[in-house]
């Protein structure tokens, strides 16, 4: 029997499983926080030497140069097979085009009314640190998805930290305009980017996904620097009706299951047949996956374990119930394999990214479509957004009063200040005007 479980909405376990899924964002960061705090404190205190010691302990290497500006990106790009180079260049172009359109919405503005000039000024963040995970896979796509929006926003310095600066990663860095590589991974890399060392300038913002140690480190340094989010395991929610092809549904579910053993391959469908056939197809496709990738890293076992731990198909009686569950789960990736996919997409209000229609694979969004694939996970799409140009700017409010405008509003300002018991606020207005002093 396949490991992919199926529950119908008349099953007593249905509501229990749904409630558990809704709470999947409760990560066990506390388990690793003591070690992460130790790493952060040590790197902050000892700088380069502290960083090198943790790299040596957890990455089995001791780099001679921690910040590498001449990282050979152009040579790396030129060394790639023509097909891969063309694919990276196309992805870079499409991601840049999308975010250039997004940047047009991130403009400063100013207006004057009644002697008061008000403005909002948009300024690029000065220095950004990007984390690109390694270990189970190498992600040049994540480099593009993080660095290109930052560059489009106008960020001057972009540093990339990764435990695996492969030739593909360095090529992506070159295309995206990464300034330098930080030769570190894990929580120690986050510490270096947050606090700075003798070799590495402190960053103003850190973005990019990583493992539980990276997530815990990002949460702990927030406030010292800004972060994008606390990324959890990858997830996909396929919404399907009887028009869906179980072969395609299974393929999309496994495209996320192969990321990590803790990934969530989820299906909500109005068709019991689709659910049943998808479960069988998942098993067949898992068995057909390669045991290892070209670099000797596990693939089949990771996907199989993800399905076993978190794979679930929910069969519901109506399209309304399907939409309700989609909004409740607020998933990272939502694939709509439905007869009226566009109509249903308009009703799915909480999702990191929606993939609309039978011919829109989630993999297109991971690599080539254009929007960043760095998305809120664990239900955070209820309030979070995909990484974008807006993440790499700061906004300042500008306020300028003419005297007559201040006199006109002085009474109201003073009344509000005194209602809050803040007399100095009131007097700061009164000393500027001819209004009767207190």
Protein backbone atom coordinates (compact mmCIF):
# COMPACT_ATOMS: atom_id res chain seq x y z
CA UNK A 1 0.00 0.00 0.00
CA UNK A 2 1.25 3.52 -0.75
CA UNK A 3 2.22 5.70 2.20
CA UNK A 4 0.09 8.60 0.94
CA UNK A 5 -2.91 8.72 3.28
CA UNK A 6 -6.42 9.61 2.12
CA UNK A 7 -9.20 10.91 4.36
CA UNK A 8 -12.75 11.80 3.39
CA UNK A 9 -14.64 14.60 5.12
CA UNK A 10 -16.98 12.07 6.74
CA UNK A 11 -14.06 10.34 8.47
CA UNK A 12 -13.64 11.25 12.20
CA UNK A 13 -9.89 11.63 11.59
CA UNK A 14 -10.47 14.29 8.91
CA UNK A 15 -10.90 17.26 11.26
CA UNK A 16 -8.04 16.06 13.47
CA UNK A 17 -5.69 15.87 10.50
CA UNK A 18 -6.80 19.26 9.22
CA UNK A 19 -6.24 20.89 12.60
CA UNK A 20 -2.76 19.38 12.77
CA UNK A 21 -1.96 20.69 9.31
CA UNK A 22 -3.15 24.17 10.23
CA UNK A 23 -0.58 24.17 13.04
CA UNK A 24 2.32 22.90 10.94
CA UNK A 25 4.12 26.25 11.28
CA UNK A 26 4.91 25.50 14.95
CA UNK A 27 8.57 24.66 14.45
CA UNK A 28 10.78 23.19 17.13
CA UNK A 29 13.37 25.98 17.04
CA UNK A 30 13.74 25.89 20.84
CA UNK A 31 15.43 22.50 20.51
CA UNK A 32 18.43 24.00 18.71
CA UNK A 33 18.43 27.49 20.24
CA UNK A 34 21.02 26.80 22.99
CA UNK A 35 23.63 25.76 20.44
CA UNK A 36 22.66 28.54 18.04
CA UNK A 37 22.95 31.14 20.82
CA UNK A 38 26.42 29.83 21.63
CA UNK A 39 27.47 30.15 17.98
CA UNK A 40 26.06 33.66 17.70
CA UNK A 41 27.75 34.84 20.91
CA UNK A 42 31.10 33.36 19.92
CA UNK A 43 31.16 34.82 16.40
CA UNK A 44 30.06 38.19 17.76
CA UNK A 45 32.83 38.12 20.37
CA UNK A 46 35.70 36.56 18.43
CA UNK A 47 34.93 37.65 14.87
CA UNK A 48 36.91 35.90 12.14
CA UNK A 49 38.52 33.39 14.48
CA UNK A 50 35.20 32.42 16.04
CA UNK A 51 33.64 32.05 12.61
CA UNK A 52 36.47 29.87 11.33
CA UNK A 53 36.27 27.58 14.34
CA UNK A 54 32.58 26.85 13.77
CA UNK A 55 33.11 26.37 10.03
CA UNK A 56 35.83 23.86 10.85
CA UNK A 57 33.61 22.05 13.37
CA UNK A 58 30.44 21.78 11.28
CA UNK A 59 31.63 22.13 7.68
CA UNK A 60 34.92 20.22 7.95
CA UNK A 61 36.94 23.00 6.30
CA UNK A 62 38.86 26.08 7.38
CA UNK A 63 38.79 28.77 4.68
CA UNK A 64 41.78 31.07 4.40
CA UNK A 65 39.62 33.84 2.96
CA UNK A 66 36.19 34.46 4.51
CA UNK A 67 34.93 37.18 2.16
CA UNK A 68 35.72 36.41 -1.47
CA UNK A 69 35.13 39.27 -3.89
CA UNK A 70 36.90 37.71 -6.86
CA UNK A 71 34.91 34.48 -6.85
CA UNK A 72 35.33 33.62 -10.52
CA UNK A 73 31.70 34.07 -11.45
CA UNK A 74 32.28 34.91 -15.10
CA UNK A 75 34.58 31.92 -15.58
CA UNK A 76 32.04 29.72 -13.78
CA UNK A 77 29.29 30.85 -16.14
CA UNK A 78 31.46 30.26 -19.19
CA UNK A 79 32.36 26.76 -17.99
CA UNK A 80 28.76 25.56 -17.86
CA UNK A 81 27.25 23.32 -20.49
CA UNK A 82 25.56 25.52 -23.11
CA UNK A 83 22.05 24.30 -22.25
CA UNK A 84 22.47 25.02 -18.53
CA UNK A 85 24.08 28.41 -19.16
CA UNK A 86 21.23 29.40 -21.48
CA UNK A 87 18.69 28.27 -18.87
CA UNK A 88 20.33 30.33 -16.11
CA UNK A 89 20.54 33.38 -18.36
CA UNK A 90 16.88 33.03 -19.35
CA UNK A 91 15.84 32.65 -15.70
CA UNK A 92 17.88 35.71 -14.74
CA UNK A 93 16.26 37.75 -17.50
CA UNK A 94 12.71 36.71 -16.62
CA UNK A 95 13.18 37.25 -12.87
CA UNK A 96 14.68 40.68 -13.53
CA UNK A 97 11.85 41.68 -15.87
CA UNK A 98 9.20 40.70 -13.33
CA UNK A 99 10.85 42.60 -10.51
CA UNK A 100 11.49 45.67 -12.65
CA UNK A 101 7.73 45.80 -13.14
CA UNK A 102 7.29 45.38 -9.39
CA UNK A 103 9.79 48.18 -8.70
CA UNK A 104 7.57 50.66 -10.53
CA UNK A 105 5.13 50.34 -7.62
CA UNK A 106 7.81 51.17 -5.04
CA UNK A 107 8.12 54.90 -5.69
CA UNK A 108 8.55 57.90 -3.44
CA UNK A 109 5.67 60.41 -3.44
CA UNK A 110 4.98 63.90 -2.14
CA UNK A 111 1.97 66.21 -1.90
CA UNK A 112 1.09 69.50 -0.24
CA UNK A 113 -2.24 70.40 1.26
CA UNK A 114 -3.23 73.33 3.48
CA UNK A 115 0.34 74.42 4.08
CA UNK A 116 1.54 70.92 5.03
CA UNK A 117 3.91 68.96 2.82
CA UNK A 118 3.84 65.20 3.28
CA UNK A 119 6.01 62.66 1.55
CA UNK A 120 7.16 59.07 1.59
CA UNK A 121 10.77 58.51 0.58
CA UNK A 122 11.90 55.09 -0.62
CA UNK A 123 15.59 54.24 -0.17
CA UNK A 124 17.35 50.97 -1.04
CA UNK A 125 18.84 48.99 1.83
CA UNK A 126 22.62 49.50 1.87
CA UNK A 127 23.88 45.94 2.36
CA UNK A 128 22.03 42.61 2.06
CA UNK A 129 23.14 39.13 3.07
CA UNK A 130 21.65 36.15 1.24
CA UNK A 131 21.73 32.61 2.56
CA UNK A 132 21.66 29.81 -0.03
CA UNK A 133 21.27 26.31 1.43
CA UNK A 134 23.51 23.40 0.51
CA UNK A 135 23.64 19.87 1.87
CA UNK A 136 20.76 17.96 0.28
CA UNK A 137 20.87 20.03 -2.93
CA UNK A 138 22.56 23.02 -4.54
CA UNK A 139 20.34 25.98 -5.36
CA UNK A 140 21.61 28.44 -7.99
CA UNK A 141 17.92 29.24 -8.55
CA UNK A 142 17.65 30.56 -4.98
CA UNK A 143 20.59 32.87 -5.65
CA UNK A 144 18.72 34.43 -8.58
CA UNK A 145 15.43 34.58 -6.69
CA UNK A 146 17.01 36.51 -3.81
CA UNK A 147 19.74 38.58 -5.43
CA UNK A 148 17.93 39.82 -8.52
CA UNK A 149 15.11 41.59 -6.59
CA UNK A 150 17.75 43.14 -4.32
CA UNK A 151 19.76 44.42 -7.27
CA UNK A 152 16.64 45.75 -9.00
CA UNK A 153 15.73 47.57 -5.76
CA UNK A 154 19.08 49.35 -5.94
CA UNK A 155 21.02 47.55 -3.19
CA UNK A 156 24.73 48.34 -3.59
CA UNK A 157 26.31 45.43 -1.73
CA UNK A 158 24.95 41.89 -1.91
CA UNK A 159 26.80 39.10 -0.08
CA UNK A 160 25.98 35.43 -0.47
CA UNK A 161 26.72 32.87 2.25
CA UNK A 162 26.47 29.19 1.46
CA UNK A 163 28.05 25.90 2.52
CA UNK A 164 28.13 24.92 -1.16
CA UNK A 165 29.44 27.57 -3.56
CA UNK A 166 29.35 25.21 -6.53
CA UNK A 167 30.20 26.33 -10.05
CA UNK A 168 26.46 26.71 -10.72
CA UNK A 169 25.99 28.88 -7.63
CA UNK A 170 28.95 31.10 -8.58
CA UNK A 171 27.60 31.47 -12.11
CA UNK A 172 24.21 32.53 -10.73
CA UNK A 173 25.95 35.00 -8.41
CA UNK A 174 27.68 36.59 -11.38
CA UNK A 175 24.45 36.91 -13.37
CA UNK A 176 22.54 38.37 -10.42
CA UNK A 177 25.21 40.87 -9.43
CA UNK A 178 26.35 39.38 -6.11
CA UNK A 179 29.20 41.49 -4.71
CA UNK A 180 31.06 38.81 -2.74
CA UNK A 181 30.80 35.30 -1.33
CA UNK A 182 31.00 34.48 2.37
CA UNK A 183 32.72 31.14 2.81
CA UNK A 184 30.44 29.87 5.57
CA UNK A 185 27.16 28.08 6.07
CA UNK A 186 24.79 27.39 8.95
CA UNK A 187 24.13 29.55 12.00
CA UNK A 188 27.74 30.77 11.90
CA UNK A 189 27.11 32.42 8.52
CA UNK A 190 24.02 34.18 9.88
CA UNK A 191 26.08 35.43 12.84
CA UNK A 192 28.74 36.83 10.53
CA UNK A 193 26.20 38.65 8.37
CA UNK A 194 24.31 40.02 11.37
CA UNK A 195 27.19 41.20 13.55
CA UNK A 196 30.05 41.51 11.10
CA UNK A 197 33.63 40.34 11.65
CA UNK A 198 37.05 41.77 10.83
CA UNK A 199 36.64 40.47 7.26
CA UNK A 200 32.87 40.65 6.76
CA UNK A 201 30.87 43.89 7.05
CA UNK A 202 27.59 43.61 8.95
CA UNK A 203 24.50 43.45 6.75
CA UNK A 204 21.28 45.40 7.16
CA UNK A 205 19.00 42.56 6.06
CA UNK A 206 19.35 38.78 5.75
CA UNK A 207 17.16 36.76 3.38
CA UNK A 208 16.98 33.24 2.04
CA UNK A 209 15.90 29.81 3.30
CA UNK A 210 17.96 27.36 5.34
CA UNK A 211 17.74 24.48 7.80
CA UNK A 212 16.44 24.65 11.37
CA UNK A 213 19.75 26.07 12.66
CA UNK A 214 19.67 28.85 10.08
CA UNK A 215 16.02 29.57 10.87
CA UNK A 216 16.73 29.75 14.61
CA UNK A 217 19.72 32.03 14.01
CA UNK A 218 17.67 34.37 11.82
CA UNK A 219 14.99 34.62 14.48
CA UNK A 220 17.56 35.39 17.18
CA UNK A 221 19.36 38.12 15.22
CA UNK A 222 16.14 39.84 14.17
CA UNK A 223 16.29 43.36 15.57
CA UNK A 224 20.02 43.56 15.06
CA UNK A 225 19.18 43.15 11.37
CA UNK A 226 15.98 42.71 9.43
CA UNK A 227 15.07 39.30 8.02
CA UNK A 228 12.63 38.14 5.39
CA UNK A 229 10.92 35.34 7.32
CA UNK A 230 11.47 32.16 9.32
CA UNK A 231 11.34 29.55 6.60
CA UNK A 232 9.93 26.13 7.39
CA UNK A 233 9.79 22.97 5.29
CA UNK A 234 8.65 23.35 1.69
CA UNK A 235 5.02 22.54 0.93
CA UNK A 236 2.62 22.17 -1.96
CA UNK A 237 -1.15 22.02 -1.86
CA UNK A 238 -2.80 20.66 -4.99
CA UNK A 239 -6.48 21.50 -5.44
CA UNK A 240 -8.09 19.06 -7.86
CA UNK A 241 -11.42 18.03 -9.26
CA UNK A 242 -12.34 15.15 -11.55
CA UNK A 243 -10.66 16.89 -14.52
CA UNK A 244 -7.22 16.48 -12.91
CA UNK A 245 -4.77 13.87 -14.18
CA UNK A 246 -3.49 11.77 -11.23
CA UNK A 247 -0.15 11.34 -13.01
CA UNK A 248 0.32 15.13 -13.09
CA UNK A 249 -0.96 15.60 -9.54
CA UNK A 250 1.49 13.00 -8.22
CA UNK A 251 4.37 14.57 -10.15
CA UNK A 252 3.67 18.00 -8.67
CA UNK A 253 3.39 16.60 -5.14
CA UNK A 254 6.73 14.85 -5.48
CA UNK A 255 8.38 17.97 -6.88
CA UNK A 256 8.19 19.37 -3.36
CA UNK A 257 8.53 16.10 -1.46
CA UNK A 258 12.04 15.63 -2.87
CA UNK A 259 13.26 18.84 -1.19
CA UNK A 260 13.24 17.53 2.35
CA UNK A 261 11.98 14.68 4.50
CA UNK A 262 9.81 17.20 6.38
CA UNK A 263 8.21 18.70 3.25
CA UNK A 264 4.41 18.64 2.93
CA UNK A 265 2.87 17.10 -0.23
CA UNK A 266 -0.86 17.81 0.22
CA UNK A 267 -3.93 17.21 -1.92
CA UNK A 268 -7.49 18.47 -1.47
CA UNK A 269 -9.91 17.14 -4.04
CA UNK A 270 -13.59 16.77 -4.75
CA UNK A 271 -12.89 13.47 -6.54
CA UNK A 272 -12.36 10.27 -4.58
CA UNK A 273 -11.12 8.63 -7.79
CA UNK A 274 -8.42 11.25 -8.29
CA UNK A 275 -7.29 10.85 -4.68
CA UNK A 276 -7.11 7.08 -4.91
CA UNK A 277 -5.30 7.03 -8.26
CA UNK A 278 -2.92 9.79 -7.15
CA UNK A 279 -1.89 7.72 -4.12
CA UNK A 280 -1.03 4.77 -6.37
CA UNK A 281 0.75 7.00 -8.85
CA UNK A 282 2.86 8.59 -6.11
CA UNK A 283 4.19 5.20 -5.13
CA UNK A 284 5.00 4.32 -8.73
CA UNK A 285 6.74 7.63 -9.35
CA UNK A 286 8.73 7.45 -6.08
CA UNK A 287 10.00 4.03 -7.13
CA UNK A 288 11.03 5.49 -10.50
CA UNK A 289 13.04 8.37 -9.01
CA UNK A 290 16.85 8.05 -9.12
CA UNK A 291 18.34 6.88 -5.84
CA UNK A 292 20.99 9.61 -6.00
CA UNK A 293 21.55 12.79 -8.00
CA UNK A 294 24.63 13.50 -10.09
CA UNK A 295 26.57 14.58 -7.00
CA UNK A 296 25.79 11.49 -4.95
CA UNK A 297 23.05 13.08 -2.82
CA UNK A 298 19.95 11.10 -1.88
CA UNK A 299 16.79 11.79 -3.86
CA UNK A 300 14.39 8.85 -3.79
CA UNK A 301 14.68 8.27 -0.04
CA UNK A 302 13.99 11.92 0.76
CA UNK A 303 10.81 12.00 -1.36
CA UNK A 304 9.62 8.67 0.06
CA UNK A 305 10.13 9.83 3.65
CA UNK A 306 8.32 13.12 3.00
CA UNK A 307 5.30 11.24 1.65
CA UNK A 308 5.39 8.88 4.62
CA UNK A 309 5.63 11.66 7.22
CA UNK A 310 3.38 14.35 5.79
CA UNK A 311 1.70 13.15 2.59
CA UNK A 312 -2.07 13.53 2.82
CA UNK A 313 -5.06 13.64 0.50
CA UNK A 314 -8.33 15.14 1.74
CA UNK A 315 -11.54 14.35 -0.13
CA UNK A 316 -14.26 16.99 0.27
CA UNK A 317 -17.83 17.13 -0.96
CA UNK A 318 -17.85 20.57 -2.60
CA UNK A 319 -15.75 23.23 -4.29
CA UNK A 320 -16.64 25.62 -1.46
CA UNK A 321 -15.11 23.24 1.08
CA UNK A 322 -12.00 22.92 -1.09
CA UNK A 323 -11.56 26.72 -1.17
CA UNK A 324 -12.20 27.01 2.56
CA UNK A 325 -9.47 24.49 3.36
CA UNK A 326 -7.04 26.18 0.96
CA UNK A 327 -7.51 29.51 2.74
CA UNK A 328 -7.25 27.86 6.14
CA UNK A 329 -3.92 26.21 5.26
CA UNK A 330 -2.48 29.29 3.47
CA UNK A 331 0.12 27.12 1.78
CA UNK A 332 3.42 28.11 0.21
CA UNK A 333 2.58 26.67 -3.23
CA UNK A 334 -1.02 26.13 -4.32
CA UNK A 335 -1.60 24.28 -7.59
CA UNK A 336 -5.11 24.57 -9.05
CA UNK A 337 -5.75 21.56 -11.26
CA UNK A 338 -9.42 22.29 -11.78
CA UNK A 339 -11.85 22.73 -14.64
CA UNK A 340 -12.50 26.35 -13.60
CA UNK A 341 -9.03 27.02 -12.21
CA UNK A 342 -8.98 30.78 -12.83
CA UNK A 343 -12.35 31.27 -11.16
CA UNK A 344 -11.31 29.28 -8.10
CA UNK A 345 -7.94 31.08 -7.96
CA UNK A 346 -9.78 34.35 -7.43
CA UNK A 347 -11.30 32.84 -4.27
CA UNK A 348 -8.04 31.48 -2.83
CA UNK A 349 -6.98 34.63 -0.99
CA UNK A 350 -4.11 33.24 1.11
CA UNK A 351 -1.26 31.52 -0.70
CA UNK A 352 2.42 32.16 -1.32
CA UNK A 353 2.07 31.50 -5.04
CA UNK A 354 -0.78 30.10 -7.10
CA UNK A 355 -0.20 27.88 -10.13
CA UNK A 356 -3.35 28.13 -12.19
CA UNK A 357 -4.44 25.44 -14.61
CA UNK A 358 -3.38 21.97 -15.70
CA UNK A 359 -0.37 23.20 -17.67
CA UNK A 360 1.28 25.27 -14.93
CA UNK A 361 3.74 23.14 -12.98
CA UNK A 362 5.07 24.41 -9.67
CA UNK A 363 8.55 23.76 -11.06
CA UNK A 364 8.05 26.64 -13.51
CA UNK A 365 7.71 28.98 -10.54
CA UNK A 366 10.79 27.50 -8.91
CA UNK A 367 12.99 28.31 -11.87
CA UNK A 368 11.75 30.40 -14.74
CA UNK A 369 8.37 32.09 -14.47
CA UNK A 370 9.64 35.33 -12.87
CA UNK A 371 8.29 35.89 -9.34
CA UNK A 372 10.68 34.97 -6.55
CA UNK A 373 10.29 31.42 -5.29
CA UNK A 374 11.16 32.52 -1.74
CA UNK A 375 7.69 32.25 -0.23
CA UNK A 376 6.00 32.17 3.19
CA UNK A 377 5.64 28.67 4.62
CA UNK A 378 3.76 26.99 7.45
CA UNK A 379 0.60 29.08 7.00
CA UNK A 380 2.49 32.39 7.04
CA UNK A 381 0.86 33.33 3.72
CA UNK A 382 -2.02 34.55 5.91
CA UNK A 383 0.08 37.66 6.51
CA UNK A 384 3.34 37.20 4.57
CA UNK A 385 4.33 37.73 0.96
CA UNK A 386 6.76 36.40 -1.61
CA UNK A 387 10.22 37.95 -1.46
CA UNK A 388 10.25 41.03 -3.66
CA UNK A 389 11.71 44.43 -4.40
CA UNK A 390 9.71 45.85 -1.48
CA UNK A 391 11.81 43.74 0.91
CA UNK A 392 14.98 45.59 -0.03
CA UNK A 393 13.95 49.19 0.57
CA UNK A 394 13.28 51.33 3.60
CA UNK A 395 10.63 54.03 3.72
CA UNK A 396 10.85 57.37 5.51
CA UNK A 397 7.92 59.70 6.15
CA UNK A 398 8.65 63.40 5.55
CA UNK A 399 6.48 66.04 7.25
CA UNK A 400 6.82 69.82 6.84
CA UNK A 401 4.39 72.38 8.36
CA UNK A 402 4.04 76.04 7.49
CA UNK A 403 3.32 78.25 10.51
CA UNK A 404 -0.31 78.96 9.62
CA UNK A 405 -0.97 75.25 9.14
CA UNK A 406 0.46 74.49 12.57
CA UNK A 407 -1.63 77.26 14.14
CA UNK A 408 -4.73 75.80 12.54
CA UNK A 409 -4.06 72.33 13.96
CA UNK A 410 -2.45 73.35 17.25
CA UNK A 411 -5.65 73.07 19.28
CA UNK A 412 -6.32 69.53 18.14
CA UNK A 413 -2.72 68.40 18.69
CA UNK A 414 -2.63 69.95 22.18
CA UNK A 415 -5.97 68.38 23.10
CA UNK A 416 -4.79 64.91 22.07
CA UNK A 417 -1.43 65.30 23.83
CA UNK A 418 -3.07 66.38 27.10
CA UNK A 419 -5.62 63.57 26.85
CA UNK A 420 -2.65 61.20 26.90
CA UNK A 421 -1.00 63.06 29.79
CA UNK A 422 1.93 64.22 27.63
CA UNK A 423 2.26 67.90 28.48
CA UNK A 424 5.70 68.27 26.90
CA UNK A 425 4.16 67.23 23.58
CA UNK A 426 1.57 69.96 23.93
CA UNK A 427 4.14 72.60 24.82
CA UNK A 428 6.33 71.64 21.84
CA UNK A 429 3.42 72.86 19.70
CA UNK A 430 2.54 75.91 21.80
CA UNK A 431 6.06 77.37 21.82
CA UNK A 432 5.94 77.49 18.01
CA UNK A 433 2.61 79.28 17.70
CA UNK A 434 0.76 82.32 18.94
CA UNK A 435 -1.78 80.10 20.61
CA UNK A 436 -2.32 80.86 24.30
CA UNK A 437 0.46 79.21 26.31
CA UNK A 438 -0.28 76.76 29.12
